[in-house]
Amino acid sequence: MSAKLTLREKEYEIKAGMTLLASLKKAGILPESVIATRDGELILDDEILKNGEVIKLISVISGG
């Protein structure tokens, strides 16, 4: 059972049943550096990822 995180051209296969926050940390992605979406809708760090899901990560860019 797994879910996928996609960031730009990279895919990370992670264990289903983990929270988004835990899966980001396991993949080595800084949680503060991305926004996560599922089917075009924003999801939060405490969301449990389900088998077969694909979570699209969007890089956060700031400027001044």
Protein backbone atom coordinates (compact mmCIF):
# COMPACT_ATOMS: atom_id res chain seq x y z
CA MET A 1 0.00 0.00 0.00
CA SER A 2 1.49 3.28 -1.08
CA ALA A 3 0.78 6.85 -2.11
CA LYS A 4 2.88 9.21 -4.21
CA LEU A 5 4.17 12.71 -3.68
CA THR A 6 5.11 14.62 -6.82
CA LEU A 7 7.34 17.69 -6.78
CA ARG A 8 8.31 19.16 -10.14
CA GLU A 9 9.54 16.14 -12.12
CA LYS A 10 10.31 13.95 -9.07
CA GLU A 11 8.05 11.30 -7.58
CA TYR A 12 8.34 9.95 -4.06
CA GLU A 13 6.58 6.72 -3.17
CA ILE A 14 5.55 6.71 0.46
CA LYS A 15 3.68 4.36 2.76
CA ALA A 16 -0.09 4.90 2.88
CA GLY A 17 -1.53 5.66 6.32
CA MET A 18 1.10 8.27 7.17
CA THR A 19 0.26 11.92 7.69
CA LEU A 20 1.31 14.38 5.04
CA LEU A 21 3.79 15.94 7.48
CA ALA A 22 5.43 12.60 8.30
CA SER A 23 5.65 11.63 4.62
CA LEU A 24 7.28 14.95 3.68
CA LYS A 25 9.89 14.51 6.40
CA LYS A 26 10.55 10.92 5.36
CA ALA A 27 11.06 12.05 1.74
CA GLY A 28 13.48 14.77 2.88
CA ILE A 29 11.23 17.64 1.84
CA LEU A 30 10.96 20.71 4.08
CA PRO A 31 7.24 21.03 4.92
CA GLU A 32 7.52 24.84 4.93
CA SER A 33 8.78 24.84 1.35
CA VAL A 34 5.71 23.29 -0.32
CA ILE A 35 1.93 23.46 -0.57
CA ALA A 36 0.21 20.10 -0.98
CA THR A 37 -2.86 19.48 -3.14
CA ARG A 38 -5.05 16.48 -3.80
CA ASP A 39 -7.30 16.67 -6.86
CA GLY A 40 -6.66 20.42 -7.04
CA GLU A 41 -7.63 21.09 -3.39
CA LEU A 42 -5.28 22.18 -0.63
CA ILE A 43 -4.62 19.60 2.09
CA LEU A 44 -3.14 20.14 5.55
CA ASP A 45 -0.17 18.55 7.32
CA ASP A 46 -2.32 16.27 9.50
CA GLU A 47 -4.12 14.69 6.51
CA ILE A 48 -3.76 10.88 6.39
CA LEU A 49 -2.60 9.70 2.96
CA LYS A 50 -4.51 6.79 1.43
CA ASN A 51 -3.41 3.95 -0.82
CA GLY A 52 -3.13 4.98 -4.46
CA GLU A 53 -3.34 8.72 -3.86
CA VAL A 54 -1.16 11.16 -5.75
CA ILE A 55 -0.35 14.34 -3.87
CA LYS A 56 0.97 17.23 -5.95
CA LEU A 57 3.47 19.44 -4.16
CA ILE A 58 3.89 23.04 -5.27
CA SER A 59 7.06 24.92 -4.31
CA VAL A 60 6.52 28.05 -2.25
CA ILE A 61 8.40 31.05 -3.60
CA SER A 62 8.81 34.26 -1.67
CA GLY A 63 10.38 37.49 -2.67
CA GLY A 64 10.77 41.01 -1.53
